[in-house]
Structure formats: structure tokens, C-alpha cells
């Protein structure tokens, strides 16, 4: 497992999606009260950047909502919560070490 340093955790505003390229993979990082989540930054329905979307709460869960058609994706599993998306997006392994967010885009933990 190769965890690539992406940014300092303090650079990520809580509740705002931020796009990064990690080892040639477009990744959207989302910081919340539980840590930092890393998802593939491509909507599985329309192939647009999820990092341009918003965070919304549905059913008590924080979701990443695609700006184009409104599909929402679970931050932990990448699963869509409704149409038009039917396929999940990849969720990648993350860690916070010495104040840095590290991501392994070769290691999917879900999606």
C-alpha cells in the first residue's frame, strides 16, 4: 500500500469537496467530523466532477451530491442513494499522518 501525501489536513475546509490529482487519479476529498473521505472525482452517471457538487444530508448521512443531475453518493461506500445514478463511485483508502492527508488511489475500500 502506497499512501501518497496530498495536502495538509488544515487545508481542507470541513464540509466542502476539494479536488486533487493523486498519482494520476482525480480524487475528491471531503473532510467531516469523522475524518477525511476520498472518492473518485467522476460521477458514475454523467461523468462530471463530483468536486463541483455539494454536501447534503439524507437519512442522517452526509452525501456528496452531483451538481448536474442531483445523484447523491455515500461518502463511506460510494453507493448512490437514488436515480439517475445506479453505479457506485470508488472510495479510496485514506489516513491522516503527521498533519497530512494521505490517499492510496490504487486501493479501493468500496465502490
PDB file of N, CA and C in Angstrom:
ATOM      1  N   UNK A   1       0.842  -1.169   0.000  1.00  0.00           N
ATOM      2  CA  UNK A   1       0.000   0.000   0.000  1.00  0.00           C
ATOM      3  C   UNK A   1       0.892   1.239   0.000  1.00  0.00           C
ATOM      4  N   UNK A   2       0.674   2.118  -0.957  1.00  0.00           N
ATOM      5  CA  UNK A   2       1.441   3.354  -1.052  1.00  0.00           C
ATOM      6  C   UNK A   2       0.520   4.525  -0.798  1.00  0.00           C
ATOM      7  N   UNK A   3       0.640   5.098   0.368  1.00  0.00           N
ATOM      8  CA  UNK A   3      -0.170   6.255   0.725  1.00  0.00           C
ATOM      9  C   UNK A   3       0.570   7.513   0.264  1.00  0.00           C
ATOM     10  N   UNK A   4      -0.044   8.258  -0.639  1.00  0.00           N
ATOM     11  CA  UNK A   4       0.564   9.455  -1.208  1.00  0.00           C
ATOM     12  C   UNK A   4       0.118  10.688  -0.427  1.00  0.00           C
ATOM     13  N   UNK A   5       1.064  11.506   0.057  1.00  0.00           N
ATOM     14  CA  UNK A   5       0.677  12.749   0.720  1.00  0.00           C
ATOM     15  C   UNK A   5      -0.015  13.673  -0.291  1.00  0.00           C
ATOM     16  N   UNK A   6      -1.186  14.196   0.089  1.00  0.00           N
ATOM     17  CA  UNK A   6      -1.968  15.014  -0.830  1.00  0.00           C
ATOM     18  C   UNK A   6      -1.998  16.472  -0.381  1.00  0.00           C
ATOM     19  N   UNK A   7      -2.318  16.711   0.869  1.00  0.00           N
ATOM     20  CA  UNK A   7      -2.379  18.072   1.399  1.00  0.00           C
ATOM     21  C   UNK A   7      -2.377  17.999   2.916  1.00  0.00           C
ATOM     22  N   UNK A   8      -2.145  19.128   3.540  1.00  0.00           N
ATOM     23  CA  UNK A   8      -2.247  19.181   4.987  1.00  0.00           C
ATOM     24  C   UNK A   8      -3.723  19.177   5.359  1.00  0.00           C
ATOM     25  N   UNK A   9      -4.061  18.482   6.439  1.00  0.00           N
ATOM     26  CA  UNK A   9      -5.463  18.353   6.830  1.00  0.00           C
ATOM     27  C   UNK A   9      -6.090  19.721   7.091  1.00  0.00           C
ATOM     28  N   UNK A  10      -5.310  20.672   7.585  1.00  0.00           N
ATOM     29  CA  UNK A  10      -5.827  22.016   7.865  1.00  0.00           C
ATOM     30  C   UNK A  10      -6.183  22.780   6.591  1.00  0.00           C
ATOM     31  N   UNK A  11      -5.703  22.324   5.438  1.00  0.00           N
ATOM     32  CA  UNK A  11      -6.030  22.967   4.162  1.00  0.00           C
ATOM     33  C   UNK A  11      -7.413  22.571   3.657  1.00  0.00           C
ATOM     34  N   UNK A  12      -7.998  21.528   4.246  1.00  0.00           N
ATOM     35  CA  UNK A  12      -9.316  21.060   3.812  1.00  0.00           C
ATOM     36  C   UNK A  12     -10.393  21.677   4.692  1.00  0.00           C
ATOM     37  N   UNK A  13     -11.223  22.531   4.126  1.00  0.00           N
ATOM     38  CA  UNK A  13     -12.320  23.075   4.926  1.00  0.00           C
ATOM     39  C   UNK A  13     -13.353  21.986   5.202  1.00  0.00           C
ATOM     40  N   UNK A  14     -13.852  21.938   6.414  1.00  0.00           N
ATOM     41  CA  UNK A  14     -14.844  20.925   6.746  1.00  0.00           C
ATOM     42  C   UNK A  14     -16.126  21.167   5.946  1.00  0.00           C
ATOM     43  N   UNK A  15     -16.631  20.105   5.331  1.00  0.00           N
ATOM     44  CA  UNK A  15     -17.901  20.178   4.619  1.00  0.00           C
ATOM     45  C   UNK A  15     -17.839  20.730   3.213  1.00  0.00           C
ATOM     46  N   UNK A  16     -16.629  20.861   2.646  1.00  0.00           N
ATOM     47  CA  UNK A  16     -16.505  21.375   1.280  1.00  0.00           C
ATOM     48  C   UNK A  16     -15.660  20.409   0.452  1.00  0.00           C
ATOM     49  N   UNK A  17     -16.209  19.900  -0.666  1.00  0.00           N
ATOM     50  CA  UNK A  17     -15.429  18.990  -1.510  1.00  0.00           C
ATOM     51  C   UNK A  17     -14.262  19.720  -2.187  1.00  0.00           C
ATOM     52  N   UNK A  18     -13.119  19.052  -2.230  1.00  0.00           N
ATOM     53  CA  UNK A  18     -11.925  19.636  -2.838  1.00  0.00           C
ATOM     54  C   UNK A  18     -11.291  18.587  -3.757  1.00  0.00           C
ATOM     55  N   UNK A  19     -10.994  18.997  -4.978  1.00  0.00           N
ATOM     56  CA  UNK A  19     -10.407  18.098  -5.980  1.00  0.00           C
ATOM     57  C   UNK A  19      -8.884  18.095  -5.891  1.00  0.00           C
ATOM     58  N   UNK A  20      -8.317  16.901  -6.056  1.00  0.00           N
ATOM     59  CA  UNK A  20      -6.863  16.728  -6.139  1.00  0.00           C
ATOM     60  C   UNK A  20      -6.566  15.630  -7.149  1.00  0.00           C
ATOM     61  N   UNK A  21      -5.415  15.725  -7.787  1.00  0.00           N
ATOM     62  CA  UNK A  21      -4.910  14.628  -8.618  1.00  0.00           C
ATOM     63  C   UNK A  21      -3.924  13.856  -7.760  1.00  0.00           C
ATOM     64  N   UNK A  22      -4.168  12.563  -7.622  1.00  0.00           N
ATOM     65  CA  UNK A  22      -3.307  11.715  -6.801  1.00  0.00           C
ATOM     66  C   UNK A  22      -2.815  10.561  -7.669  1.00  0.00           C
ATOM     67  N   UNK A  23      -1.548  10.593  -7.971  1.00  0.00           N
ATOM     68  CA  UNK A  23      -0.940   9.546  -8.807  1.00  0.00           C
ATOM     69  C   UNK A  23      -1.719   9.340 -10.102  1.00  0.00           C
ATOM     70  N   UNK A  24      -2.147  10.442 -10.719  1.00  0.00           N
ATOM     71  CA  UNK A  24      -2.846  10.389 -11.996  1.00  0.00           C
ATOM     72  C   UNK A  24      -4.333  10.095 -11.910  1.00  0.00           C
ATOM     73  N   UNK A  25      -4.883  10.043 -10.701  1.00  0.00           N
ATOM     74  CA  UNK A  25      -6.306   9.771 -10.500  1.00  0.00           C
ATOM     75  C   UNK A  25      -6.966  11.020  -9.919  1.00  0.00           C
ATOM     76  N   UNK A  26      -8.096  11.422 -10.514  1.00  0.00           N
ATOM     77  CA  UNK A  26      -8.861  12.555  -9.980  1.00  0.00           C
ATOM     78  C   UNK A  26      -9.610  12.088  -8.735  1.00  0.00           C
ATOM     79  N   UNK A  27      -9.343  12.750  -7.621  1.00  0.00           N
ATOM     80  CA  UNK A  27      -9.920  12.375  -6.329  1.00  0.00           C
ATOM     81  C   UNK A  27     -10.583  13.601  -5.718  1.00  0.00           C
ATOM     82  N   UNK A  28     -11.780  13.395  -5.137  1.00  0.00           N
ATOM     83  CA  UNK A  28     -12.425  14.455  -4.379  1.00  0.00           C
ATOM     84  C   UNK A  28     -12.273  14.100  -2.900  1.00  0.00           C
ATOM     85  N   UNK A  29     -11.740  15.037  -2.130  1.00  0.00           N
ATOM     86  CA  UNK A  29     -11.573  14.857  -0.695  1.00  0.00           C
ATOM     87  C   UNK A  29     -12.674  15.613   0.021  1.00  0.00           C
ATOM     88  N   UNK A  30     -13.229  14.994   1.052  1.00  0.00           N
ATOM     89  CA  UNK A  30     -14.256  15.621   1.873  1.00  0.00           C
ATOM     90  C   UNK A  30     -13.886  15.399   3.329  1.00  0.00           C
ATOM     91  N   UNK A  31     -13.775  16.496   4.064  1.00  0.00           N
ATOM     92  CA  UNK A  31     -13.473  16.416   5.491  1.00  0.00           C
ATOM     93  C   UNK A  31     -14.775  16.613   6.262  1.00  0.00           C
ATOM     94  N   UNK A  32     -15.031  15.695   7.206  1.00  0.00           N
ATOM     95  CA  UNK A  32     -16.190  15.852   8.072  1.00  0.00           C
ATOM     96  C   UNK A  32     -15.773  15.525   9.503  1.00  0.00           C
ATOM     97  N   UNK A  33     -16.729  15.415  10.391  1.00  0.00           N
ATOM     98  CA  UNK A  33     -16.430  15.159  11.799  1.00  0.00           C
ATOM     99  C   UNK A  33     -15.774  13.801  12.023  1.00  0.00           C
ATOM    100  N   UNK A  34     -15.878  12.883  11.046  1.00  0.00           N
ATOM    101  CA  UNK A  34     -15.326  11.541  11.186  1.00  0.00           C
ATOM    102  C   UNK A  34     -13.951  11.386  10.551  1.00  0.00           C
ATOM    103  N   UNK A  35     -13.468  12.405   9.860  1.00  0.00           N
ATOM    104  CA  UNK A  35     -12.166  12.314   9.203  1.00  0.00           C
ATOM    105  C   UNK A  35     -12.224  12.836   7.791  1.00  0.00           C
ATOM    106  N   UNK A  36     -11.413  12.237   6.921  1.00  0.00           N
ATOM    107  CA  UNK A  36     -11.353  12.648   5.521  1.00  0.00           C
ATOM    108  C   UNK A  36     -11.715  11.458   4.643  1.00  0.00           C
ATOM    109  N   UNK A  37     -12.604  11.707   3.685  1.00  0.00           N
ATOM    110  CA  UNK A  37     -13.035  10.680   2.740  1.00  0.00           C
ATOM    111  C   UNK A  37     -12.461  11.020   1.370  1.00  0.00           C
ATOM    112  N   UNK A  38     -12.111   9.996   0.609  1.00  0.00           N
ATOM    113  CA  UNK A  38     -11.578  10.183  -0.744  1.00  0.00           C
ATOM    114  C   UNK A  38     -12.397   9.340  -1.711  1.00  0.00           C
ATOM    115  N   UNK A  39     -13.021   9.996  -2.683  1.00  0.00           N
ATOM    116  CA  UNK A  39     -13.817   9.318  -3.694  1.00  0.00           C
ATOM    117  C   UNK A  39     -13.282   9.667  -5.067  1.00  0.00           C
ATOM    118  N   UNK A  40     -13.545   8.782  -6.035  1.00  0.00           N
ATOM    119  CA  UNK A  40     -13.189   9.097  -7.409  1.00  0.00           C
ATOM    120  C   UNK A  40     -13.996  10.321  -7.819  1.00  0.00           C
ATOM    121  N   UNK A  41     -13.351  11.297  -8.407  1.00  0.00           N
ATOM    122  CA  UNK A  41     -13.997  12.580  -8.715  1.00  0.00           C
ATOM    123  C   UNK A  41     -14.718  12.548 -10.054  1.00  0.00           C
ATOM    124  N   UNK A  42     -15.450  11.465 -10.295  1.00  0.00           N
ATOM    125  CA  UNK A  42     -16.218  11.347 -11.535  1.00  0.00           C
ATOM    126  C   UNK A  42     -17.562  10.700 -11.201  1.00  0.00           C
ATOM    127  N   UNK A  43     -18.649  11.403 -11.500  1.00  0.00           N
ATOM    128  CA  UNK A  43     -19.984  10.859 -11.280  1.00  0.00           C
ATOM    129  C   UNK A  43     -20.160   9.618 -12.150  1.00  0.00           C
ATOM    130  N   UNK A  44     -20.694   8.560 -11.574  1.00  0.00           N
ATOM    131  CA  UNK A  44     -20.870   7.312 -12.320  1.00  0.00           C
ATOM    132  C   UNK A  44     -22.011   7.394 -13.333  1.00  0.00           C
ATOM    133  N   UNK A  45     -22.801   8.427 -13.261  1.00  0.00           N
ATOM    134  CA  UNK A  45     -23.909   8.589 -14.203  1.00  0.00           C
ATOM    135  C   UNK A  45     -23.523   9.477 -15.380  1.00  0.00           C
ATOM    136  N   UNK A  46     -23.010  10.668 -15.080  1.00  0.00           N
ATOM    137  CA  UNK A  46     -22.802  11.654 -16.140  1.00  0.00           C
ATOM    138  C   UNK A  46     -21.342  11.974 -16.416  1.00  0.00           C
ATOM    139  N   UNK A  47     -20.435  11.351 -15.677  1.00  0.00           N
ATOM    140  CA  UNK A  47     -19.003  11.561 -15.867  1.00  0.00           C
ATOM    141  C   UNK A  47     -18.590  13.030 -15.773  1.00  0.00           C
ATOM    142  N   UNK A  48     -19.124  13.721 -14.762  1.00  0.00           N
ATOM    143  CA  UNK A  48     -18.714  15.088 -14.452  1.00  0.00           C
ATOM    144  C   UNK A  48     -18.060  15.079 -13.078  1.00  0.00           C
ATOM    145  N   UNK A  49     -17.365  16.159 -12.744  1.00  0.00           N
ATOM    146  CA  UNK A  49     -16.623  16.239 -11.491  1.00  0.00           C
ATOM    147  C   UNK A  49     -17.556  16.359 -10.289  1.00  0.00           C
ATOM    148  N   UNK A  50     -17.473  15.395  -9.382  1.00  0.00           N
ATOM    149  CA  UNK A  50     -18.251  15.459  -8.150  1.00  0.00           C
ATOM    150  C   UNK A  50     -17.761  16.569  -7.235  1.00  0.00           C
ATOM    151  N   UNK A  51     -16.510  16.962  -7.384  1.00  0.00           N
ATOM    152  CA  UNK A  51     -15.950  18.028  -6.542  1.00  0.00           C
ATOM    153  C   UNK A  51     -16.640  19.367  -6.772  1.00  0.00           C
ATOM    154  N   UNK A  52     -17.376  19.494  -7.857  1.00  0.00           N
ATOM    155  CA  UNK A  52     -18.127  20.720  -8.118  1.00  0.00           C
ATOM    156  C   UNK A  52     -19.519  20.676  -7.492  1.00  0.00           C
ATOM    157  N   UNK A  53     -19.842  19.558  -6.839  1.00  0.00           N
ATOM    158  CA  UNK A  53     -21.135  19.403  -6.197  1.00  0.00           C
ATOM    159  C   UNK A  53     -21.119  19.904  -4.761  1.00  0.00           C
ATOM    160  N   UNK A  54     -22.173  19.549  -4.043  1.00  0.00           N
ATOM    161  CA  UNK A  54     -22.340  19.996  -2.660  1.00  0.00           C
ATOM    162  C   UNK A  54     -22.512  18.799  -1.737  1.00  0.00           C
ATOM    163  N   UNK A  55     -22.278  19.039  -0.453  1.00  0.00           N
ATOM    164  CA  UNK A  55     -22.570  18.035   0.557  1.00  0.00           C
ATOM    165  C   UNK A  55     -23.990  18.266   1.050  1.00  0.00           C
ATOM    166  N   UNK A  56     -24.748  17.187   1.157  1.00  0.00           N
ATOM    167  CA  UNK A  56     -26.121  17.247   1.643  1.00  0.00           C
ATOM    168  C   UNK A  56     -26.313  16.127   2.661  1.00  0.00           C
ATOM    169  N   UNK A  57     -27.297  16.283   3.519  1.00  0.00           N
ATOM    170  CA  UNK A  57     -27.627  15.242   4.483  1.00  0.00           C
ATOM    171  C   UNK A  57     -28.928  14.587   4.050  1.00  0.00           C
ATOM    172  N   UNK A  58     -28.894  13.274   3.915  1.00  0.00           N
ATOM    173  CA  UNK A  58     -30.082  12.488   3.559  1.00  0.00           C
ATOM    174  C   UNK A  58     -30.148  11.278   4.472  1.00  0.00           C
ATOM    175  N   UNK A  59     -31.270  11.100   5.112  1.00  0.00           N
ATOM    176  CA  UNK A  59     -31.426   9.957   6.014  1.00  0.00           C
ATOM    177  C   UNK A  59     -30.406   9.947   7.129  1.00  0.00           C
ATOM    178  N   UNK A  60     -29.975  11.115   7.561  1.00  0.00           N
ATOM    179  CA  UNK A  60     -28.993  11.223   8.626  1.00  0.00           C
ATOM    180  C   UNK A  60     -27.556  10.988   8.195  1.00  0.00           C
ATOM    181  N   UNK A  61     -27.333  10.784   6.892  1.00  0.00           N
ATOM    182  CA  UNK A  61     -25.981  10.556   6.382  1.00  0.00           C
ATOM    183  C   UNK A  61     -25.537  11.727   5.515  1.00  0.00           C
ATOM    184  N   UNK A  62     -24.255  12.016   5.583  1.00  0.00           N
ATOM    185  CA  UNK A  62     -23.678  13.049   4.731  1.00  0.00           C
ATOM    186  C   UNK A  62     -23.380  12.447   3.367  1.00  0.00           C
ATOM    187  N   UNK A  63     -23.858  13.109   2.323  1.00  0.00           N
ATOM    188  CA  UNK A  63     -23.711  12.620   0.953  1.00  0.00           C
ATOM    189  C   UNK A  63     -23.067  13.698   0.086  1.00  0.00           C
ATOM    190  N   UNK A  64     -22.433  13.259  -0.984  1.00  0.00           N
ATOM    191  CA  UNK A  64     -21.895  14.157  -1.986  1.00  0.00           C
ATOM    192  C   UNK A  64     -22.873  14.166  -3.156  1.00  0.00           C
ATOM    193  N   UNK A  65     -23.418  15.344  -3.453  1.00  0.00           N
ATOM    194  CA  UNK A  65     -24.433  15.471  -4.491  1.00  0.00           C
ATOM    195  C   UNK A  65     -23.826  16.001  -5.783  1.00  0.00           C
ATOM    196  N   UNK A  66     -24.059  15.288  -6.880  1.00  0.00           N
ATOM    197  CA  UNK A  66     -23.582  15.723  -8.187  1.00  0.00           C
ATOM    198  C   UNK A  66     -24.342  16.973  -8.604  1.00  0.00           C
ATOM    199  N   UNK A  67     -23.637  17.947  -9.092  1.00  0.00           N
ATOM    200  CA  UNK A  67     -24.229  19.235  -9.458  1.00  0.00           C
ATOM    201  C   UNK A  67     -25.082  19.157 -10.717  1.00  0.00           C
ATOM    202  N   UNK A  68     -24.869  18.155 -11.570  1.00  0.00           N
ATOM    203  CA  UNK A  68     -25.554  18.140 -12.857  1.00  0.00           C
ATOM    204  C   UNK A  68     -26.966  17.571 -12.784  1.00  0.00           C
ATOM    205  N   UNK A  69     -27.102  16.370 -12.212  1.00  0.00           N
ATOM    206  CA  UNK A  69     -28.424  15.728 -12.181  1.00  0.00           C
ATOM    207  C   UNK A  69     -28.914  15.404 -10.777  1.00  0.00           C
ATOM    208  N   UNK A  70     -28.120  15.715  -9.762  1.00  0.00           N
ATOM    209  CA  UNK A  70     -28.577  15.533  -8.388  1.00  0.00           C
ATOM    210  C   UNK A  70     -28.379  14.165  -7.778  1.00  0.00           C
ATOM    211  N   UNK A  71     -27.639  13.280  -8.430  1.00  0.00           N
ATOM    212  CA  UNK A  71     -27.346  11.987  -7.803  1.00  0.00           C
ATOM    213  C   UNK A  71     -26.505  12.224  -6.558  1.00  0.00           C
ATOM    214  N   UNK A  72     -26.794  11.472  -5.496  1.00  0.00           N
ATOM    215  CA  UNK A  72     -26.048  11.599  -4.247  1.00  0.00           C
ATOM    216  C   UNK A  72     -25.285  10.308  -3.977  1.00  0.00           C
ATOM    217  N   UNK A  73     -24.066  10.453  -3.454  1.00  0.00           N
ATOM    218  CA  UNK A  73     -23.203   9.307  -3.199  1.00  0.00           C
ATOM    219  C   UNK A  73     -22.770   9.307  -1.731  1.00  0.00           C
ATOM    220  N   UNK A  74     -22.875   8.133  -1.100  1.00  0.00           N
ATOM    221  CA  UNK A  74     -22.467   7.947   0.283  1.00  0.00           C
ATOM    222  C   UNK A  74     -20.944   8.107   0.378  1.00  0.00           C
ATOM    223  N   UNK A  75     -20.486   8.925   1.313  1.00  0.00           N
ATOM    224  CA  UNK A  75     -19.051   9.190   1.445  1.00  0.00           C
ATOM    225  C   UNK A  75     -18.253   7.950   1.846  1.00  0.00           C
ATOM    226  N   UNK A  76     -18.869   7.021   2.555  1.00  0.00           N
ATOM    227  CA  UNK A  76     -18.158   5.850   3.060  1.00  0.00           C
ATOM    228  C   UNK A  76     -18.160   4.674   2.088  1.00  0.00           C
ATOM    229  N   UNK A  77     -19.251   4.559   1.307  1.00  0.00           N
ATOM    230  CA  UNK A  77     -19.381   3.387   0.432  1.00  0.00           C
ATOM    231  C   UNK A  77     -19.350   3.729  -1.052  1.00  0.00           C
ATOM    232  N   UNK A  78     -19.577   4.991  -1.388  1.00  0.00           N
ATOM    233  CA  UNK A  78     -19.651   5.403  -2.783  1.00  0.00           C
ATOM    234  C   UNK A  78     -20.972   5.045  -3.438  1.00  0.00           C
ATOM    235  N   UNK A  79     -21.875   4.404  -2.694  1.00  0.00           N
ATOM    236  CA  UNK A  79     -23.154   3.956  -3.251  1.00  0.00           C
ATOM    237  C   UNK A  79     -24.063   5.148  -3.545  1.00  0.00           C
ATOM    238  N   UNK A  80     -24.748   5.122  -4.689  1.00  0.00           N
ATOM    239  CA  UNK A  80     -25.726   6.166  -4.974  1.00  0.00           C
ATOM    240  C   UNK A  80     -26.974   5.925  -4.137  1.00  0.00           C
ATOM    241  N   UNK A  81     -27.637   7.009  -3.756  1.00  0.00           N
ATOM    242  CA  UNK A  81     -28.834   6.868  -2.932  1.00  0.00           C
ATOM    243  C   UNK A  81     -30.102   7.041  -3.750  1.00  0.00           C
ATOM    244  N   UNK A  82     -29.972   7.271  -5.018  1.00  0.00           N
ATOM    245  CA  UNK A  82     -31.150   7.413  -5.865  1.00  0.00           C
ATOM    246  C   UNK A  82     -30.748   7.726  -7.285  1.00  0.00           C
ATOM    247  N   UNK A  83     -31.731   7.716  -8.138  1.00  0.00           N
ATOM    248  CA  UNK A  83     -31.514   7.968  -9.563  1.00  0.00           C
ATOM    249  C   UNK A  83     -31.099   9.417  -9.802  1.00  0.00           C
ATOM    250  N   UNK A  84     -30.437   9.701 -10.907  1.00  0.00           N
ATOM    251  CA  UNK A  84     -30.258   8.811 -12.036  1.00  0.00           C
ATOM    252  C   UNK A  84     -29.059   7.864 -11.932  1.00  0.00           C
ATOM    253  N   UNK A  85     -28.150   8.075 -10.994  1.00  0.00           N
ATOM    254  CA  UNK A  85     -27.000   7.166 -10.877  1.00  0.00           C
ATOM    255  C   UNK A  85     -27.445   5.820 -10.319  1.00  0.00           C
ATOM    256  N   UNK A  86     -26.899   4.748 -10.860  1.00  0.00           N
ATOM    257  CA  UNK A  86     -27.185   3.405 -10.359  1.00  0.00           C
ATOM    258  C   UNK A  86     -25.914   2.670  -9.951  1.00  0.00           C
ATOM    259  N   UNK A  87     -24.765   3.159 -10.389  1.00  0.00           N
ATOM    260  CA  UNK A  87     -23.488   2.530 -10.059  1.00  0.00           C
ATOM    261  C   UNK A  87     -22.754   3.361  -9.010  1.00  0.00           C
ATOM    262  N   UNK A  88     -22.037   2.703  -8.101  1.00  0.00           N
ATOM    263  CA  UNK A  88     -21.268   3.441  -7.097  1.00  0.00           C
ATOM    264  C   UNK A  88     -20.030   4.084  -7.703  1.00  0.00           C
ATOM    265  N   UNK A  89     -19.438   5.004  -6.959  1.00  0.00           N
ATOM    266  CA  UNK A  89     -18.133   5.556  -7.305  1.00  0.00           C
ATOM    267  C   UNK A  89     -17.112   4.935  -6.354  1.00  0.00           C
ATOM    268  N   UNK A  90     -15.875   4.857  -6.793  1.00  0.00           N
ATOM    269  CA  UNK A  90     -14.818   4.265  -5.964  1.00  0.00           C
ATOM    270  C   UNK A  90     -14.522   5.142  -4.756  1.00  0.00           C
ATOM    271  N   UNK A  91     -14.290   4.479  -3.629  1.00  0.00           N
ATOM    272  CA  UNK A  91     -13.840   5.133  -2.406  1.00  0.00           C
ATOM    273  C   UNK A  91     -12.454   4.583  -2.112  1.00  0.00           C
ATOM    274  N   UNK A  92     -11.513   5.484  -1.869  1.00  0.00           N
ATOM    275  CA  UNK A  92     -10.112   5.088  -1.705  1.00  0.00           C
ATOM    276  C   UNK A  92      -9.663   5.153  -0.249  1.00  0.00           C
ATOM    277  N   UNK A  93      -8.658   4.364   0.061  1.00  0.00           N
ATOM    278  CA  UNK A  93      -8.069   4.344   1.399  1.00  0.00           C
ATOM    279  C   UNK A  93      -7.437   5.696   1.702  1.00  0.00           C
ATOM    280  N   UNK A  94      -7.684   6.195   2.926  1.00  0.00           N
ATOM    281  CA  UNK A  94      -7.087   7.453   3.381  1.00  0.00           C
ATOM    282  C   UNK A  94      -6.522   7.267   4.781  1.00  0.00           C
ATOM    283  N   UNK A  95      -5.618   8.160   5.133  1.00  0.00           N
ATOM    284  CA  UNK A  95      -5.129   8.244   6.501  1.00  0.00           C
ATOM    285  C   UNK A  95      -4.654   9.665   6.749  1.00  0.00           C
ATOM    286  N   UNK A  96      -4.634  10.039   7.993  1.00  0.00           N
ATOM    287  CA  UNK A  96      -4.053  11.315   8.385  1.00  0.00           C
ATOM    288  C   UNK A  96      -2.843  10.993   9.233  1.00  0.00           C
ATOM    289  N   UNK A  97      -1.696  11.469   8.795  1.00  0.00           N
ATOM    290  CA  UNK A  97      -0.441  11.170   9.466  1.00  0.00           C
ATOM    291  C   UNK A  97       0.402  12.439   9.532  1.00  0.00           C
ATOM    292  N   UNK A  98       0.799  12.809  10.719  1.00  0.00           N
ATOM    293  CA  UNK A  98       1.635  13.990  10.951  1.00  0.00           C
ATOM    294  C   UNK A  98       1.030  15.235  10.307  1.00  0.00           C
ATOM    295  N   UNK A  99      -0.294  15.346  10.387  1.00  0.00           N
ATOM    296  CA  UNK A  99      -0.979  16.521   9.869  1.00  0.00           C
ATOM    297  C   UNK A  99      -1.264  16.498   8.378  1.00  0.00           C
ATOM    298  N   UNK A 100      -0.863  15.421   7.711  1.00  0.00           N
ATOM    299  CA  UNK A 100      -1.067  15.307   6.263  1.00  0.00           C
ATOM    300  C   UNK A 100      -2.147  14.284   5.938  1.00  0.00           C
ATOM    301  N   UNK A 101      -2.941  14.598   4.918  1.00  0.00           N
ATOM    302  CA  UNK A 101      -3.897  13.639   4.369  1.00  0.00           C
ATOM    303  C   UNK A 101      -3.148  12.822   3.338  1.00  0.00           C
ATOM    304  N   UNK A 102      -3.244  11.500   3.473  1.00  0.00           N
ATOM    305  CA  UNK A 102      -2.594  10.593   2.537  1.00  0.00           C
ATOM    306  C   UNK A 102      -3.669   9.695   1.925  1.00  0.00           C
ATOM    307  N   UNK A 103      -3.527   9.449   0.618  1.00  0.00           N
ATOM    308  CA  UNK A 103      -4.516   8.667  -0.123  1.00  0.00           C
ATOM    309  C   UNK A 103      -3.796   7.626  -0.964  1.00  0.00           C
ATOM    310  N   UNK A 104      -4.401   6.449  -1.070  1.00  0.00           N
ATOM    311  CA  UNK A 104      -3.902   5.411  -1.958  1.00  0.00           C
ATOM    312  C   UNK A 104      -4.973   5.143  -3.024  1.00  0.00           C
ATOM    313  N   UNK A 105      -4.869   5.786  -4.193  1.00  0.00           N
ATOM    314  CA  UNK A 105      -5.895   5.605  -5.221  1.00  0.00           C
ATOM    315  C   UNK A 105      -5.857   4.232  -5.891  1.00  0.00           C
ATOM    316  N   UNK A 106      -4.849   3.433  -5.582  1.00  0.00           N
ATOM    317  CA  UNK A 106      -4.792   2.082  -6.115  1.00  0.00           C
ATOM    318  C   UNK A 106      -5.534   1.109  -5.195  1.00  0.00           C
ATOM    319  N   UNK A 107      -5.906   1.576  -3.999  1.00  0.00           N
ATOM    320  CA  UNK A 107      -6.563   0.709  -3.021  1.00  0.00           C
ATOM    321  C   UNK A 107      -8.000   1.180  -2.769  1.00  0.00           C
ATOM    322  N   UNK A 108      -8.917   0.529  -3.443  1.00  0.00           N
ATOM    323  CA  UNK A 108     -10.341   0.825  -3.225  1.00  0.00           C
ATOM    324  C   UNK A 108     -10.811   0.143  -1.950  1.00  0.00           C
ATOM    325  N   UNK A 109     -11.530   0.886  -1.140  1.00  0.00           N
ATOM    326  CA  UNK A 109     -12.126   0.272   0.042  1.00  0.00           C
ATOM    327  C   UNK A 109     -13.617   0.052  -0.160  1.00  0.00           C
ATOM    328  N   UNK A 110     -14.162   0.653  -1.207  1.00  0.00           N
ATOM    329  CA  UNK A 110     -15.582   0.471  -1.554  1.00  0.00           C
ATOM    330  C   UNK A 110     -15.787   0.985  -2.980  1.00  0.00           C
ATOM    331  N   UNK A 111     -16.979   0.691  -3.487  1.00  0.00           N
ATOM    332  CA  UNK A 111     -17.357   1.200  -4.818  1.00  0.00           C
ATOM    333  C   UNK A 111     -16.912   0.381  -5.930  1.00  0.00           C
TER     334      UNK A 111
END
